[in-house]
Protein backbone atom coordinates (compact mmCIF):
# COMPACT_ATOMS: atom_id res chain seq x y z
CA TRP A 1 -69.06 -5.35 15.64
CA ARG A 2 -66.81 -7.22 13.92
CA PRO A 3 -67.25 -11.15 14.34
CA GLY A 4 -63.93 -12.97 14.98
CA PRO A 5 -62.71 -16.84 16.87
CA SER A 6 -64.35 -17.66 20.26
CA LYS A 7 -64.20 -20.72 22.23
CA LEU A 8 -66.19 -21.29 25.15
CA TYR A 9 -64.58 -22.59 28.43
CA PRO A 10 -66.90 -23.78 30.36
CA MET A 11 -66.89 -23.20 34.82
CA PRO A 12 -67.67 -26.35 36.87
CA LEU A 13 -70.66 -25.09 38.99
CA GLU A 14 -68.82 -25.72 42.63
CA GLU A 15 -66.69 -23.03 41.05
CA GLY A 16 -69.54 -20.65 41.24
CA PHE A 17 -70.95 -18.27 38.75
CA PRO A 18 -68.97 -15.53 37.27
CA GLU A 19 -69.44 -12.05 38.45
CA LEU A 20 -65.76 -9.84 38.05
CA ILE A 21 -62.97 -10.25 35.56
CA ALA A 22 -60.08 -8.11 35.22
CA GLU A 23 -56.14 -8.89 34.28
CA THR A 24 -53.24 -9.26 36.20
CA GLU A 25 -49.97 -8.02 35.47
CA ASP A 26 -49.03 -11.18 33.77
CA GLY A 27 -51.43 -11.19 31.58
CA ASN A 28 -53.80 -14.02 33.32
CA LEU A 29 -57.59 -13.45 33.98
CA LEU A 30 -58.65 -13.03 37.67
CA ILE A 31 -62.37 -13.74 38.44
CA SER A 32 -64.65 -12.90 40.75
CA THR A 33 -67.83 -15.93 41.69
CA ARG A 34 -69.86 -16.32 44.38
CA SER A 35 -67.74 -18.56 46.02
CA GLY A 36 -64.32 -16.93 45.76
CA LEU A 37 -61.73 -15.59 43.70
CA LYS A 38 -60.52 -17.48 40.41
CA LEU A 39 -56.98 -17.49 38.44
CA PHE A 40 -57.59 -18.45 34.62
CA VAL A 41 -54.68 -19.37 33.68
CA ASN A 42 -53.59 -21.87 31.11
CA GLU A 43 -56.66 -22.24 30.30
CA LYS A 44 -57.63 -23.86 33.74
CA PHE A 45 -59.18 -22.20 36.81
CA GLU A 46 -57.60 -22.63 39.73
CA ALA A 47 -58.32 -21.11 43.23
CA TYR A 48 -56.98 -17.63 44.05
CA SER A 49 -55.63 -16.36 47.30
CA LEU A 50 -55.00 -12.54 49.11
CA PRO A 51 -52.02 -12.97 50.89
CA GLY A 52 -53.21 -12.22 54.27
CA ILE A 53 -56.38 -13.00 53.95
CA THR A 54 -57.05 -17.05 55.56
CA THR A 55 -61.29 -16.56 55.11
CA PRO A 56 -63.13 -16.74 51.84
CA PHE A 57 -64.79 -13.66 50.69
CA ARG A 58 -67.21 -12.59 48.24
CA SER A 59 -66.37 -9.32 46.04
CA GLN A 60 -68.97 -6.93 44.54
CA ARG A 61 -66.44 -5.29 43.00
CA MET A 62 -62.98 -5.62 41.66
CA LEU A 63 -60.62 -2.89 39.69
CA ARG A 64 -56.51 -3.08 39.02
CA ASP A 65 -55.49 0.60 39.29
CA ARG A 66 -52.68 2.00 37.56
CA ASP A 67 -50.09 0.64 40.27
CA GLY A 68 -51.15 -2.63 39.51
CA GLY A 69 -52.80 -3.36 42.87
CA PHE A 70 -56.05 -4.99 43.14
CA TRP A 71 -59.12 -3.08 44.77
CA PHE A 72 -61.91 -5.48 45.87
CA GLY A 73 -65.24 -4.02 47.12
CA THR A 74 -67.02 -6.39 49.76
CA LEU A 75 -70.22 -7.13 50.67
CA ASP A 76 -70.26 -6.81 53.96
CA ARG A 77 -66.16 -6.44 54.65
CA GLY A 78 -65.49 -3.27 53.38
CA VAL A 79 -62.75 -2.82 50.70
CA VAL A 80 -59.59 -5.16 50.57
CA HIS A 81 -56.33 -3.43 48.95
CA VAL A 82 -53.58 -5.59 46.92
CA HIS A 83 -50.36 -4.53 45.96
CA GLU A 84 -47.26 -5.67 45.59
CA GLY A 85 -47.90 -9.37 47.88
CA ARG A 86 -49.33 -6.52 50.73
CA THR A 87 -52.96 -6.82 51.63
CA GLU A 88 -55.01 -3.75 53.23
CA VAL A 89 -58.64 -3.80 54.64
CA PHE A 90 -60.84 -0.65 54.88
CA GLY A 91 -63.52 -0.92 57.15
CA PRO A 92 -65.64 1.81 59.30
CA THR A 93 -63.26 1.87 62.02
CA ASP A 94 -60.57 2.89 59.71
CA GLY A 95 -62.80 5.69 58.19
CA LEU A 96 -64.70 4.07 55.44
CA SER A 97 -68.68 5.73 54.69
CA GLY A 98 -69.86 1.65 55.17
CA GLN A 99 -68.97 -2.19 54.92
CA SER A 100 -70.86 -2.42 52.07
CA VAL A 101 -69.55 -1.46 48.64
CA ALA A 102 -71.50 -0.74 45.45
CA ALA A 103 -68.88 0.59 43.07
CA ILE A 104 -65.13 1.39 42.99
CA PHE A 105 -63.28 3.45 40.26
CA GLU A 106 -60.20 5.05 39.62
CA ASP A 107 -59.73 8.98 37.91
CA ARG A 108 -57.01 10.71 36.10
CA GLU A 109 -55.22 11.49 39.05
CA SER A 110 -55.29 8.01 40.83
CA ASN A 111 -57.26 8.80 43.48
CA ILE A 112 -59.40 5.55 44.04
CA TRP A 113 -63.57 6.53 45.04
CA VAL A 114 -65.38 3.99 46.87
CA ALA A 115 -69.05 3.93 47.09
CA THR A 116 -70.86 2.04 49.64
CA SER A 117 -74.29 1.96 51.91
CA GLY A 118 -72.40 5.33 53.61
CA GLY A 119 -71.61 7.53 51.21
CA VAL A 120 -68.48 7.97 48.85
CA ASP A 121 -64.61 7.66 50.05
CA ARG A 122 -61.50 9.17 48.17
CA PHE A 123 -57.98 6.94 48.78
CA ARG A 124 -55.71 8.73 48.27
CA ASP A 125 -52.57 7.51 49.50
CA SER A 126 -54.14 5.40 51.26
CA ALA A 127 -55.96 8.08 53.10
CA ALA A 128 -60.24 8.18 53.01
CA SER A 129 -62.15 11.10 52.70
CA LEU A 130 -66.13 10.94 53.19
CA ILE A 131 -68.65 12.08 50.79
CA ASN A 132 -72.20 11.97 51.59
CA SER A 133 -75.18 14.00 51.87
CA LYS A 134 -73.52 16.91 53.95
CA GLN A 135 -71.91 17.56 50.42
CA GLY A 136 -75.13 17.49 48.77
CA LEU A 137 -75.87 13.61 47.55
CA SER A 138 -79.87 13.13 47.67
CA ASN A 139 -79.01 9.19 49.04
CA ASP A 140 -76.16 8.31 50.95
CA LEU A 141 -75.84 5.08 49.11
CA VAL A 142 -74.57 5.20 45.61
CA SER A 143 -74.50 2.79 42.82
CA SER A 144 -71.74 3.91 40.19
CA ILE A 145 -69.24 6.79 39.89
CA LEU A 146 -67.52 8.06 36.99
CA ALA A 147 -64.56 10.08 36.93
CA LYS A 148 -65.27 12.26 33.07
CA ARG A 149 -61.87 12.85 30.76
CA ASP A 150 -62.47 16.79 31.47
CA GLY A 151 -61.88 16.02 35.20
CA GLY A 152 -65.89 16.34 36.35
CA ILE A 153 -66.81 13.66 38.83
CA LEU A 154 -70.69 12.11 38.53
CA LEU A 155 -72.26 9.71 41.04
CA SER A 156 -75.35 7.68 40.65
CA THR A 157 -77.06 7.60 43.79
CA PHE A 158 -80.38 5.83 44.71
CA GLY A 159 -81.73 9.42 44.97
CA GLY A 160 -80.79 9.94 41.19
CA LEU A 161 -77.98 11.13 39.49
CA HIS A 162 -75.93 13.69 40.62
CA THR A 163 -72.19 15.81 39.29
CA PHE A 164 -69.42 15.94 41.60
CA THR A 165 -67.38 20.33 41.86
CA ASN A 166 -65.31 21.54 44.25
CA GLY A 167 -66.28 19.82 47.02
CA GLN A 168 -70.28 19.67 46.50
CA ALA A 169 -72.30 17.42 45.11
CA LYS A 170 -75.42 18.67 42.53
CA ILE A 171 -78.32 16.92 41.20
CA PHE A 172 -77.82 15.91 37.01
CA GLY A 173 -79.84 18.36 34.77
CA SER A 174 -82.98 20.51 35.40
CA ARG A 175 -85.30 17.47 36.79
CA ASP A 176 -84.99 15.10 39.33
CA GLY A 177 -81.49 13.30 38.09
CA LYS A 178 -83.74 10.12 37.03
CA VAL A 179 -84.75 8.40 34.30
CA ASN A 180 -88.53 8.03 33.39
CA GLY A 181 -88.35 7.73 37.52
CA MET A 182 -85.62 5.47 37.15
CA ASN A 183 -82.54 5.56 38.63
CA THR A 184 -79.22 5.16 36.81
CA GLN A 185 -76.80 2.14 38.18
CA SER A 186 -73.97 1.93 35.47
CA LEU A 187 -71.82 4.78 34.03
CA PHE A 188 -69.29 4.43 31.51
CA GLN A 189 -67.80 7.09 28.75
CA ASP A 190 -66.60 5.39 25.33
CA ASP A 191 -63.65 6.42 23.57
CA ASN A 192 -65.42 9.32 21.48
CA GLY A 193 -65.92 11.14 25.08
CA ARG A 194 -69.88 10.15 25.16
CA VAL A 195 -71.35 9.25 28.43
CA TRP A 196 -73.56 6.02 28.79
CA PHE A 197 -75.81 5.21 31.58
CA GLY A 198 -77.77 2.17 32.42
CA THR A 199 -81.37 1.54 34.37
CA GLY A 200 -83.38 -1.09 35.06
CA ARG A 201 -84.89 -1.34 32.16
CA GLY A 202 -82.22 0.01 29.36
CA PHE A 203 -79.45 2.80 28.55
CA GLY A 204 -78.60 5.43 26.78
CA TYR A 205 -76.31 8.39 27.14
CA LEU A 206 -75.66 12.32 28.98
CA GLU A 207 -76.09 15.14 26.19
CA ASN A 208 -76.36 19.12 27.43
CA ASP A 209 -77.54 17.67 30.34
CA ARG A 210 -80.36 15.43 29.61
CA PHE A 211 -81.28 11.72 29.35
CA LYS A 212 -81.22 10.48 25.72
CA SER A 213 -82.94 6.73 26.13
CA VAL A 214 -81.89 4.73 23.33
CA GLY A 215 -82.05 0.94 23.95
CA SER A 216 -84.15 -1.02 25.90
CA PHE A 217 -84.48 -4.94 27.50
CA ALA A 218 -86.99 -6.77 29.54
CA GLY A 219 -85.53 -5.61 33.29
CA GLY A 220 -82.58 -6.76 35.85
CA THR A 221 -79.82 -4.20 37.25
CA CYS A 222 -77.25 -3.07 34.75
CA LEU A 223 -74.08 -4.21 36.35
CA SER A 224 -71.70 -2.44 33.75
CA ILE A 225 -71.10 -1.62 30.12
CA GLY A 226 -67.47 -1.91 28.02
CA GLU A 227 -66.47 -0.67 24.89
CA ASP A 228 -64.45 -3.01 22.48
CA LYS A 229 -61.52 -2.16 20.05
CA SER A 230 -64.25 -2.18 17.34
CA GLY A 231 -66.31 0.71 19.14
CA THR A 232 -68.89 -1.83 20.35
CA LEU A 233 -70.85 -1.39 23.34
CA TRP A 234 -71.23 -4.37 25.57
CA LEU A 235 -73.60 -4.72 28.78
CA ILE A 236 -73.72 -7.14 31.62
CA ASN A 237 -77.17 -7.29 33.10
CA GLU A 238 -78.34 -8.91 36.30
CA GLN A 239 -80.91 -11.26 35.07
CA LEU A 240 -79.92 -11.50 31.53
CA GLY A 241 -76.10 -12.01 31.03
CA LEU A 242 -74.01 -10.46 28.88
CA LEU A 243 -75.39 -7.98 25.94
CA ARG A 244 -74.13 -6.64 22.88
CA VAL A 245 -75.62 -3.62 21.41
CA GLY A 246 -75.94 -4.17 18.15
CA GLN A 247 -76.78 -1.90 15.01
CA GLY A 248 -79.06 0.55 15.04
CA ASN A 249 -78.75 0.37 19.24
CA LYS A 250 -80.03 -2.93 19.04
CA ILE A 251 -79.26 -5.35 22.71
CA GLU A 252 -78.24 -8.77 21.67
CA GLN A 253 -78.24 -11.57 24.10
CA ILE A 254 -75.04 -13.39 24.24
CA PRO A 255 -75.15 -16.59 25.23
CA TRP A 256 -72.86 -18.79 27.86
């Protein structure tokens, strides 16, 4: 970690609690809050509306793909895809496995993977294919997806961590795919190729088909893991907010 200048931009309570953040093509920040989408531009928060969407919705997951399009995973409206001024909504009637979206990821072949309450869907040229218990998942509720650099796919489900190869899912490792009885809730591969995971009590990494726990916190769901240019890992915890992994894998809470 390398200290540097920082500036706090308070968000009014009526704007909603910030939950997700992504960069737009013009370099501004798109922020998903409990009350809808906000655009942070010129150091100010502005309301952000999607073309063709007239009613507000809450995005649980947000992804900007390589083509510059945005994918939003909602609580009860499936997937919303926005690209070049056009908005598409995908729900169960369009072939999506469920209405509630828990994770969205883009692999190196530009496939978009979406985990819902009913399984995992893959979007390719706006077509979705279903992955669920029939393909080997121990539970259809998937919380996180990771496309590794070697081409492998990892799926975190409520039944444990799975690998996905040649159209079939298998439980990770030689046990139950869990960390001390707990499910992995987020997955991330750092610049060195190491795969990290979060649970409800801590985080760690995968090594030789085994879980290595290296850090802990008081509790709460680990929503996501990221890495900055210096190689420092950052976590977002449902209860504790933003956490930084310091030297010796010590977890530090960053005050809002």
